[in-house]
C-alpha atoms as a PDB file:
ATOM      1  CA  MET A   1     -30.108   9.193  24.124  1.00  0.00           C
ATOM      2  CA  PRO A   2     -26.391   8.758  24.284  1.00  0.00           C
ATOM      3  CA  ALA A   3     -26.948   5.255  25.654  1.00  0.00           C
ATOM      4  CA  VAL A   4     -29.079   4.285  22.767  1.00  0.00           C
ATOM      5  CA  LYS A   5     -26.715   5.435  20.533  1.00  0.00           C
ATOM      6  CA  GLY A   6     -23.976   3.712  22.209  1.00  0.00           C
ATOM      7  CA  PHE A   7     -25.882   0.445  22.115  1.00  0.00           C
ATOM      8  CA  LEU A   8     -26.894   0.874  18.208  1.00  0.00           C
ATOM      9  CA  GLU A   9     -22.955   1.578  17.611  1.00  0.00           C
ATOM     10  CA  LEU A  10     -22.075  -1.993  19.324  1.00  0.00           C
ATOM     11  CA  LEU A  11     -24.785  -3.689  17.164  1.00  0.00           C
ATOM     12  CA  PHE A  12     -23.909  -1.782  13.955  1.00  0.00           C
ATOM     13  CA  PRO A  13     -20.337  -0.531  14.346  1.00  0.00           C
ATOM     14  CA  PRO A  14     -19.343   2.458  12.056  1.00  0.00           C
ATOM     15  CA  ARG A  15     -16.533   1.977   9.410  1.00  0.00           C
ATOM     16  CA  CYS A  16     -12.973   3.769   9.445  1.00  0.00           C
ATOM     17  CA  PRO A  17     -13.334   6.521   6.937  1.00  0.00           C
ATOM     18  CA  LEU A  18     -10.083   5.377   5.424  1.00  0.00           C
ATOM     19  CA  CYS A  19     -10.021   1.707   4.905  1.00  0.00           C
ATOM     20  CA  ASP A  20     -13.899   1.345   5.007  1.00  0.00           C
ATOM     21  CA  ARG A  21     -13.536  -1.885   7.550  1.00  0.00           C
ATOM     22  CA  LEU A  22     -15.797  -1.830  10.277  1.00  0.00           C
ATOM     23  CA  LEU A  23     -14.371  -0.317  13.523  1.00  0.00           C
ATOM     24  CA  ASP A  24     -13.148  -2.603  16.273  1.00  0.00           C
ATOM     25  CA  ILE A  25     -15.413  -2.616  19.504  1.00  0.00           C
ATOM     26  CA  SER A  26     -12.266  -1.295  21.094  1.00  0.00           C
ATOM     27  CA  ASP A  27     -12.173   1.759  18.823  1.00  0.00           C
ATOM     28  CA  ILE A  28     -15.782   2.460  19.656  1.00  0.00           C
ATOM     29  CA  ARG A  29     -15.381   2.208  23.268  1.00  0.00           C
ATOM     30  CA  GLU A  30     -12.483   4.731  23.166  1.00  0.00           C
ATOM     31  CA  LYS A  31     -14.426   6.827  20.969  1.00  0.00           C
ATOM     32  CA  ARG A  32     -12.174   6.599  18.144  1.00  0.00           C
ATOM     33  CA  SER A  33     -13.563   7.146  14.700  1.00  0.00           C
ATOM     34  CA  ILE A  34     -10.836   5.903  12.736  1.00  0.00           C
ATOM     35  CA  HIS A  35      -8.233   3.003  13.070  1.00  0.00           C
ATOM     36  CA  THR A  36      -4.968   4.135  14.350  1.00  0.00           C
ATOM     37  CA  ALA A  37      -2.906   2.618  11.595  1.00  0.00           C
ATOM     38  CA  CYS A  38      -5.076   4.255   9.085  1.00  0.00           C
ATOM     39  CA  LEU A  39      -5.101   7.784  10.891  1.00  0.00           C
ATOM     40  CA  ALA A  40      -1.046   7.538  10.286  1.00  0.00           C
ATOM     41  CA  ARG A  41      -1.527   7.050   6.582  1.00  0.00           C
ATOM     42  CA  LEU A  42      -3.382  10.424   6.144  1.00  0.00           C
ATOM     43  CA  TYR A  43      -1.565  13.867   4.883  1.00  0.00           C
ATOM     44  CA  PRO A  44      -2.875  16.661   7.544  1.00  0.00           C
ATOM     45  CA  VAL A  45      -2.271  20.076   6.190  1.00  0.00           C
ATOM     46  CA  GLY A  46       0.326  21.683   8.392  1.00  0.00           C
ATOM     47  CA  GLN A  47       2.885  24.346   7.723  1.00  0.00           C
ATOM     48  CA  PRO A  48       3.885  26.236   5.777  1.00  0.00           C
ATOM     49  CA  SER A  49       0.482  26.960   4.274  1.00  0.00           C
ATOM     50  CA  CYS A  50      -1.114  29.474   1.984  1.00  0.00           C
ATOM     51  CA  PHE A  51      -1.986  32.333   4.398  1.00  0.00           C
ATOM     52  CA  HIS A  52      -5.409  32.906   2.462  1.00  0.00           C
ATOM     53  CA  CYS A  53      -6.688  29.612   1.468  1.00  0.00           C
ATOM     54  CA  GLY A  54      -4.653  27.219   3.406  1.00  0.00           C
ATOM     55  CA  LYS A  55      -3.051  24.900   0.933  1.00  0.00           C
ATOM     56  CA  PRO A  56       0.165  23.338   1.997  1.00  0.00           C
ATOM     57  CA  LEU A  57       3.309  24.909   0.326  1.00  0.00           C
ATOM     58  CA  ASP A  58       6.674  23.364  -0.351  1.00  0.00           C
ATOM     59  CA  ASN A  59       8.544  26.667   0.059  1.00  0.00           C
ATOM     60  CA  GLU A  60       8.826  28.405   3.587  1.00  0.00           C
ATOM     61  CA  ALA A  61       9.531  31.653   1.998  1.00  0.00           C
ATOM     62  CA  GLU A  62       6.264  31.861   0.358  1.00  0.00           C
ATOM     63  CA  GLU A  63       3.037  33.164   1.907  1.00  0.00           C
ATOM     64  CA  TYR A  64       0.615  32.469  -0.819  1.00  0.00           C
ATOM     65  CA  CYS A  65       0.000  29.443  -3.065  1.00  0.00           C
ATOM     66  CA  ALA A  66       0.144  29.856  -6.927  1.00  0.00           C
ATOM     67  CA  ASP A  67      -4.026  30.501  -7.227  1.00  0.00           C
ATOM     68  CA  CYS A  68      -4.042  33.147  -4.483  1.00  0.00           C
ATOM     69  CA  ALA A  69      -0.908  34.914  -5.592  1.00  0.00           C
ATOM     70  CA  ALA A  70      -2.419  35.143  -9.101  1.00  0.00           C
ATOM     71  CA  ARG A  71      -5.630  36.805  -7.597  1.00  0.00           C
ATOM     72  CA  ILE A  72      -3.718  39.303  -5.688  1.00  0.00           C
ATOM     73  CA  SER A  73      -1.397  40.232  -8.722  1.00  0.00           C
ATOM     74  CA  LYS A  74      -5.162  40.704 -10.532  1.00  0.00           C
ATOM     75  CA  ARG A  75      -6.257  42.702  -7.862  1.00  0.00           C
ATOM     76  CA  ARG A  76      -3.189  45.110  -7.850  1.00  0.00           C
ATOM     77  CA  ASN A  77      -3.113  45.376 -11.541  1.00  0.00           C
ATOM     78  CA  PHE A  78      -6.423  45.456 -12.997  1.00  0.00           C
ATOM     79  CA  LEU A  79      -9.217  45.553 -10.377  1.00  0.00           C
ATOM     80  CA  PRO A  80     -10.366  49.002  -8.849  1.00  0.00           C
ATOM     81  CA  GLY A  81      -9.107  50.110  -5.681  1.00  0.00           C
ATOM     82  CA  ASN A  82     -12.149  49.055  -3.581  1.00  0.00           C
ATOM     83  CA  MET A  83     -12.602  45.418  -4.970  1.00  0.00           C
ATOM     84  CA  PRO A  84     -11.140  42.470  -2.766  1.00  0.00           C
ATOM     85  CA  PHE A  85      -9.102  39.953  -4.461  1.00  0.00           C
ATOM     86  CA  SER A  86     -11.110  37.555  -2.698  1.00  0.00           C
ATOM     87  CA  TYR A  87     -14.539  37.165  -0.873  1.00  0.00           C
ATOM     88  CA  ILE A  88     -13.183  34.826   1.397  1.00  0.00           C
ATOM     89  CA  THR A  89     -11.340  36.336   4.562  1.00  0.00           C
ATOM     90  CA  GLN A  90      -9.318  33.091   4.857  1.00  0.00           C
ATOM     91  CA  GLY A  91      -9.784  29.375   4.573  1.00  0.00           C
ATOM     92  CA  LYS A  92      -8.517  26.154   6.060  1.00  0.00           C
ATOM     93  CA  ALA A  93      -8.268  22.433   5.320  1.00  0.00           C
ATOM     94  CA  LEU A  94      -7.801  19.190   7.149  1.00  0.00           C
ATOM     95  CA  PHE A  95      -5.935  16.916   4.762  1.00  0.00           C
ATOM     96  CA  VAL A  96      -3.905  16.874   1.359  1.00  0.00           C
ATOM     97  CA  TYR A  97      -5.822  15.419  -1.160  1.00  0.00           C
ATOM     98  CA  GLN A  98      -3.476  12.404  -2.020  1.00  0.00           C
ATOM     99  CA  GLY A  99      -3.078   8.896  -1.294  1.00  0.00           C
ATOM    100  CA  ASP A 100      -5.783   6.817   0.096  1.00  0.00           C
ATOM    101  CA  ILE A 101      -8.221   9.889   1.226  1.00  0.00           C
ATOM    102  CA  ARG A 102      -8.986  10.136  -2.467  1.00  0.00           C
ATOM    103  CA  GLN A 103     -11.145   6.856  -2.212  1.00  0.00           C
ATOM    104  CA  THR A 104     -12.425   8.064   1.199  1.00  0.00           C
ATOM    105  CA  MET A 105     -13.676  11.217  -0.520  1.00  0.00           C
ATOM    106  CA  TYR A 106     -15.136   9.196  -3.397  1.00  0.00           C
ATOM    107  CA  ARG A 107     -17.200   6.832  -0.915  1.00  0.00           C
ATOM    108  CA  PHE A 108     -18.217   9.951   1.060  1.00  0.00           C
ATOM    109  CA  LYS A 109     -19.610  11.549  -1.847  1.00  0.00           C
ATOM    110  CA  TYR A 110     -20.908   8.934  -3.894  1.00  0.00           C
ATOM    111  CA  SER A 111     -21.502   5.709  -1.735  1.00  0.00           C
ATOM    112  CA  ASN A 112     -23.304   7.089   1.076  1.00  0.00           C
ATOM    113  CA  ARG A 113     -20.683   7.070   3.635  1.00  0.00           C
ATOM    114  CA  ARG A 114     -22.411   9.644   5.605  1.00  0.00           C
ATOM    115  CA  GLU A 115     -21.010   8.454   9.014  1.00  0.00           C
ATOM    116  CA  TYR A 116     -17.723   9.685   7.605  1.00  0.00           C
ATOM    117  CA  ALA A 117     -18.641  13.160   8.421  1.00  0.00           C
ATOM    118  CA  ARG A 118     -18.178  12.372  12.095  1.00  0.00           C
ATOM    119  CA  PHE A 119     -14.339  11.861  11.937  1.00  0.00           C
ATOM    120  CA  PHE A 120     -14.137  14.884   9.628  1.00  0.00           C
ATOM    121  CA  ALA A 121     -16.014  17.043  12.036  1.00  0.00           C
ATOM    122  CA  GLU A 122     -14.010  15.846  15.141  1.00  0.00           C
ATOM    123  CA  GLU A 123     -10.947  16.763  13.181  1.00  0.00           C
ATOM    124  CA  ALA A 124     -12.081  19.853  12.190  1.00  0.00           C
ATOM    125  CA  CYS A 125     -13.252  21.212  15.558  1.00  0.00           C
ATOM    126  CA  GLU A 126      -9.957  19.762  17.572  1.00  0.00           C
ATOM    127  CA  LYS A 127      -7.654  21.326  15.020  1.00  0.00           C
ATOM    128  CA  TYR A 128      -9.516  24.669  14.125  1.00  0.00           C
ATOM    129  CA  GLY A 129     -12.213  25.076  16.666  1.00  0.00           C
ATOM    130  CA  GLY A 130      -9.931  27.985  18.280  1.00  0.00           C
ATOM    131  CA  TRP A 131      -9.652  29.517  14.925  1.00  0.00           C
ATOM    132  CA  MET A 132     -13.533  29.403  14.562  1.00  0.00           C
ATOM    133  CA  LEU A 133     -14.140  30.797  17.903  1.00  0.00           C
ATOM    134  CA  LYS A 134     -11.367  33.443  17.478  1.00  0.00           C
ATOM    135  CA  ASN A 135     -12.793  34.609  14.130  1.00  0.00           C
ATOM    136  CA  GLY A 136     -16.253  34.886  15.709  1.00  0.00           C
ATOM    137  CA  ILE A 137     -18.054  32.510  13.616  1.00  0.00           C
ATOM    138  CA  GLU A 138     -22.116  32.611  13.963  1.00  0.00           C
ATOM    139  CA  ALA A 139     -23.094  30.162  11.318  1.00  0.00           C
ATOM    140  CA  VAL A 140     -22.033  27.335   9.385  1.00  0.00           C
ATOM    141  CA  VAL A 141     -23.342  27.181   5.485  1.00  0.00           C
ATOM    142  CA  PRO A 142     -22.475  24.119   3.251  1.00  0.00           C
ATOM    143  CA  VAL A 143     -21.710  24.739  -0.411  1.00  0.00           C
ATOM    144  CA  PRO A 144     -25.104  24.010  -2.173  1.00  0.00           C
ATOM    145  CA  MET A 145     -25.777  21.138  -4.657  1.00  0.00           C
ATOM    146  CA  TYR A 146     -28.133  21.622  -7.359  1.00  0.00           C
ATOM    147  CA  LYS A 147     -31.513  20.558  -5.824  1.00  0.00           C
ATOM    148  CA  LYS A 148     -32.260  17.713  -8.629  1.00  0.00           C
ATOM    149  CA  LYS A 149     -28.788  16.417  -8.317  1.00  0.00           C
ATOM    150  CA  GLU A 150     -28.959  16.204  -4.651  1.00  0.00           C
ATOM    151  CA  LYS A 151     -32.386  14.500  -4.828  1.00  0.00           C
ATOM    152  CA  GLN A 152     -30.830  11.987  -7.352  1.00  0.00           C
ATOM    153  CA  ARG A 153     -27.826  11.145  -4.970  1.00  0.00           C
ATOM    154  CA  GLY A 154     -29.842  11.392  -1.726  1.00  0.00           C
ATOM    155  CA  TYR A 155     -27.657  13.767   0.019  1.00  0.00           C
ATOM    156  CA  ASN A 156     -25.400  16.471  -0.181  1.00  0.00           C
ATOM    157  CA  GLN A 157     -21.926  15.570   1.434  1.00  0.00           C
ATOM    158  CA  ALA A 158     -21.008  19.155   2.286  1.00  0.00           C
ATOM    159  CA  LYS A 159     -24.460  19.656   4.024  1.00  0.00           C
ATOM    160  CA  ILE A 160     -23.639  16.746   6.276  1.00  0.00           C
ATOM    161  CA  PHE A 161     -20.149  17.738   7.147  1.00  0.00           C
ATOM    162  CA  ALA A 162     -21.471  21.501   7.927  1.00  0.00           C
ATOM    163  CA  LYS A 163     -24.110  20.079   9.989  1.00  0.00           C
ATOM    164  CA  GLU A 164     -21.860  18.206  12.210  1.00  0.00           C
ATOM    165  CA  VAL A 165     -19.301  21.083  12.754  1.00  0.00           C
ATOM    166  CA  GLY A 166     -22.020  23.416  13.567  1.00  0.00           C
ATOM    167  CA  LYS A 167     -23.554  21.028  16.058  1.00  0.00           C
ATOM    168  CA  ARG A 168     -20.035  20.285  17.884  1.00  0.00           C
ATOM    169  CA  MET A 169     -19.144  23.909  17.908  1.00  0.00           C
ATOM    170  CA  GLY A 170     -22.664  25.403  18.871  1.00  0.00           C
ATOM    171  CA  PHE A 171     -23.181  27.430  15.794  1.00  0.00           C
ATOM    172  CA  ALA A 172     -26.082  27.902  13.851  1.00  0.00           C
ATOM    173  CA  PHE A 173     -26.607  25.364  10.740  1.00  0.00           C
ATOM    174  CA  GLU A 174     -28.143  26.970   7.760  1.00  0.00           C
ATOM    175  CA  PRO A 175     -28.228  24.495   5.054  1.00  0.00           C
ATOM    176  CA  ASP A 176     -30.393  26.676   2.924  1.00  0.00           C
ATOM    177  CA  ALA A 177     -28.778  30.318   3.147  1.00  0.00           C
ATOM    178  CA  VAL A 178     -27.477  29.853  -0.372  1.00  0.00           C
ATOM    179  CA  ARG A 179     -29.306  28.116  -3.472  1.00  0.00           C
ATOM    180  CA  ARG A 180     -27.545  26.930  -6.229  1.00  0.00           C
ATOM    181  CA  LEU A 181     -29.736  28.234  -9.464  1.00  0.00           C
ATOM    182  CA  ILE A 182     -28.060  26.411 -12.098  1.00  0.00           C
ATOM    183  CA  GLU A 183     -26.972  22.823 -13.026  1.00  0.00           C
ATOM    184  CA  THR A 184     -23.629  23.391 -13.909  1.00  0.00           C
ATOM    185  CA  SER A 185     -20.820  21.098 -15.490  1.00  0.00           C
ATOM    186  CA  PRO A 186     -18.829  18.959 -13.002  1.00  0.00           C
ATOM    187  CA  GLN A 187     -15.862  21.443 -11.966  1.00  0.00           C
ATOM    188  CA  LYS A 188     -13.479  18.451 -12.082  1.00  0.00           C
ATOM    189  CA  LYS A 189     -13.557  18.233 -15.792  1.00  0.00           C
ATOM    190  CA  LEU A 190     -12.400  21.664 -16.434  1.00  0.00           C
ATOM    191  CA  ASN A 191      -9.428  24.061 -16.231  1.00  0.00           C
ATOM    192  CA  ALA A 192      -9.311  27.109 -13.961  1.00  0.00           C
ATOM    193  CA  LYS A 193     -10.728  29.663 -16.126  1.00  0.00           C
ATOM    194  CA  GLU A 194     -13.474  27.290 -17.341  1.00  0.00           C
ATOM    195  CA  ARG A 195     -14.227  26.552 -13.636  1.00  0.00           C
ATOM    196  CA  LYS A 196     -14.763  30.312 -12.982  1.00  0.00           C
ATOM    197  CA  ASN A 197     -16.638  30.739 -16.093  1.00  0.00           C
ATOM    198  CA  ASN A 198     -19.017  27.676 -15.253  1.00  0.00           C
ATOM    199  CA  ILE A 199     -20.331  28.884 -11.926  1.00  0.00           C
ATOM    200  CA  LYS A 200     -20.531  32.497 -12.785  1.00  0.00           C
ATOM    201  CA  ASN A 201     -23.906  33.488 -11.331  1.00  0.00           C
ATOM    202  CA  ALA A 202     -24.671  30.080 -10.341  1.00  0.00           C
ATOM    203  CA  PHE A 203     -25.682  30.882  -6.700  1.00  0.00           C
ATOM    204  CA  HIS A 204     -28.119  33.171  -4.767  1.00  0.00           C
ATOM    205  CA  ALA A 205     -28.127  33.845  -1.252  1.00  0.00           C
ATOM    206  CA  GLN A 206     -31.322  34.076   1.032  1.00  0.00           C
ATOM    207  CA  ASP A 207     -32.081  37.639   2.235  1.00  0.00           C
ATOM    208  CA  PHE A 208     -32.177  36.069   5.955  1.00  0.00           C
ATOM    209  CA  VAL A 209     -28.534  35.807   6.035  1.00  0.00           C
ATOM    210  CA  VAL A 210     -28.023  39.250   6.709  1.00  0.00           C
ATOM    211  CA  LYS A 211     -28.737  38.448  10.324  1.00  0.00           C
ATOM    212  CA  TYR A 212     -25.170  37.232  10.529  1.00  0.00           C
ATOM    213  CA  SER A 213     -22.107  39.020  10.125  1.00  0.00           C
ATOM    214  CA  CYS A 214     -19.495  36.153  10.084  1.00  0.00           C
ATOM    215  CA  ILE A 215     -20.126  32.996   8.292  1.00  0.00           C
ATOM    216  CA  LEU A 216     -18.118  29.628   7.726  1.00  0.00           C
ATOM    217  CA  LEU A 217     -18.533  28.218   4.440  1.00  0.00           C
ATOM    218  CA  VAL A 218     -17.838  24.621   3.985  1.00  0.00           C
ATOM    219  CA  ASP A 219     -17.627  21.979   1.328  1.00  0.00           C
ATOM    220  CA  ASP A 220     -15.563  18.702   0.927  1.00  0.00           C
ATOM    221  CA  ILE A 221     -12.925  19.495  -1.346  1.00  0.00           C
ATOM    222  CA  TYR A 222     -11.073  22.597  -2.254  1.00  0.00           C
ATOM    223  CA  THR A 223      -9.045  22.862  -5.563  1.00  0.00           C
ATOM    224  CA  THR A 224      -8.758  26.291  -7.504  1.00  0.00           C
ATOM    225  CA  GLY A 225     -11.348  27.960  -5.190  1.00  0.00           C
ATOM    226  CA  ALA A 226     -13.628  28.915  -7.987  1.00  0.00           C
ATOM    227  CA  THR A 227     -16.727  27.403  -6.620  1.00  0.00           C
ATOM    228  CA  ALA A 228     -16.020  28.601  -2.960  1.00  0.00           C
ATOM    229  CA  GLU A 229     -15.443  32.163  -4.270  1.00  0.00           C
ATOM    230  CA  ALA A 230     -18.756  32.256  -6.375  1.00  0.00           C
ATOM    231  CA  VAL A 231     -20.711  30.988  -3.297  1.00  0.00           C
ATOM    232  CA  ALA A 232     -18.897  33.802  -0.987  1.00  0.00           C
ATOM    233  CA  GLY A 233     -19.669  36.434  -3.690  1.00  0.00           C
ATOM    234  CA  ALA A 234     -23.181  35.636  -3.369  1.00  0.00           C
ATOM    235  CA  LEU A 235     -23.264  35.825   0.329  1.00  0.00           C
ATOM    236  CA  CYS A 236     -21.286  39.163   0.362  1.00  0.00           C
ATOM    237  CA  GLN A 237     -23.935  40.628  -1.976  1.00  0.00           C
ATOM    238  CA  ALA A 238     -26.474  39.626   0.405  1.00  0.00           C
ATOM    239  CA  GLY A 239     -24.689  41.700   3.179  1.00  0.00           C
ATOM    240  CA  ILE A 240     -22.212  39.467   4.867  1.00  0.00           C
ATOM    241  CA  SER A 241     -19.155  41.090   5.902  1.00  0.00           C
ATOM    242  CA  ARG A 242     -16.714  38.336   6.865  1.00  0.00           C
ATOM    243  CA  ILE A 243     -16.695  34.932   5.407  1.00  0.00           C
ATOM    244  CA  TYR A 244     -14.314  31.858   6.176  1.00  0.00           C
ATOM    245  CA  PHE A 245     -13.999  28.866   4.579  1.00  0.00           C
ATOM    246  CA  LEU A 246     -13.274  25.146   5.566  1.00  0.00           C
ATOM    247  CA  SER A 247     -12.965  22.029   3.659  1.00  0.00           C
ATOM    248  CA  VAL A 248     -11.936  18.266   4.168  1.00  0.00           C
ATOM    249  CA  CYS A 249      -9.450  18.089   1.321  1.00  0.00           C
ATOM    250  CA  THR A 250      -7.144  20.604  -0.475  1.00  0.00           C
ATOM    251  CA  GLY A 251      -4.616  20.334  -3.462  1.00  0.00           C
ATOM    252  CA  ARG A 252      -1.295  21.416  -2.606  1.00  0.00           C
ATOM    253  CA  GLY A 253       0.038  24.733  -3.448  1.00  0.00           C
ATOM    254  CA  VAL A 254       3.273  25.647  -5.572  1.00  0.00           C
END
């Protein structure tokens, strides 16, 4: 099968996830999934970054981004002592959502560029593979899309990314662990408070997930974290004790 795959890639070369041009034969032979010049135009998430969600920070003295700091403050001042400020133990992201990768994510999401998931998964496993293993990840779960919407689009980009990560890391892939019950408004059109209200009670975790104790939740883009929190909350209600989060892109912290 690897030989067949290699032959097909020579006949139908995959595209660079940044510029969307065909990869060169030399790139394919060297098992590169992106042009070298394009790789240099990305903004990988480095340090300092938010200890909780992984957003890059400008100030090394800060431990948390503005969103996470606000959640922690609310937890201390308003929530009962046994309530966590987040259902997610810790999150990570590959790239800052700025520059050319904005078009990459648009094509990945709306233009059927499913092959980009290969590059994203390669980067994720190289950068965070040790982190996943250290934290005892057992299964990978994608943030679900409303079934009707997924059928219209033809795919869920988070599911494709999650499947690639699970395959490379040897984790179980559970695409049906969480169902989206409500077709909510697009989150990108809403502010932080509206986003939280928009996806309230929108997700339900299946009972079978209780066989896992540690799950990696996966999505394409992380912004305020409202969607990730809602899905993680559903998983916690189903009995999952630890939930980590991974996204392709994230916004900047403050």
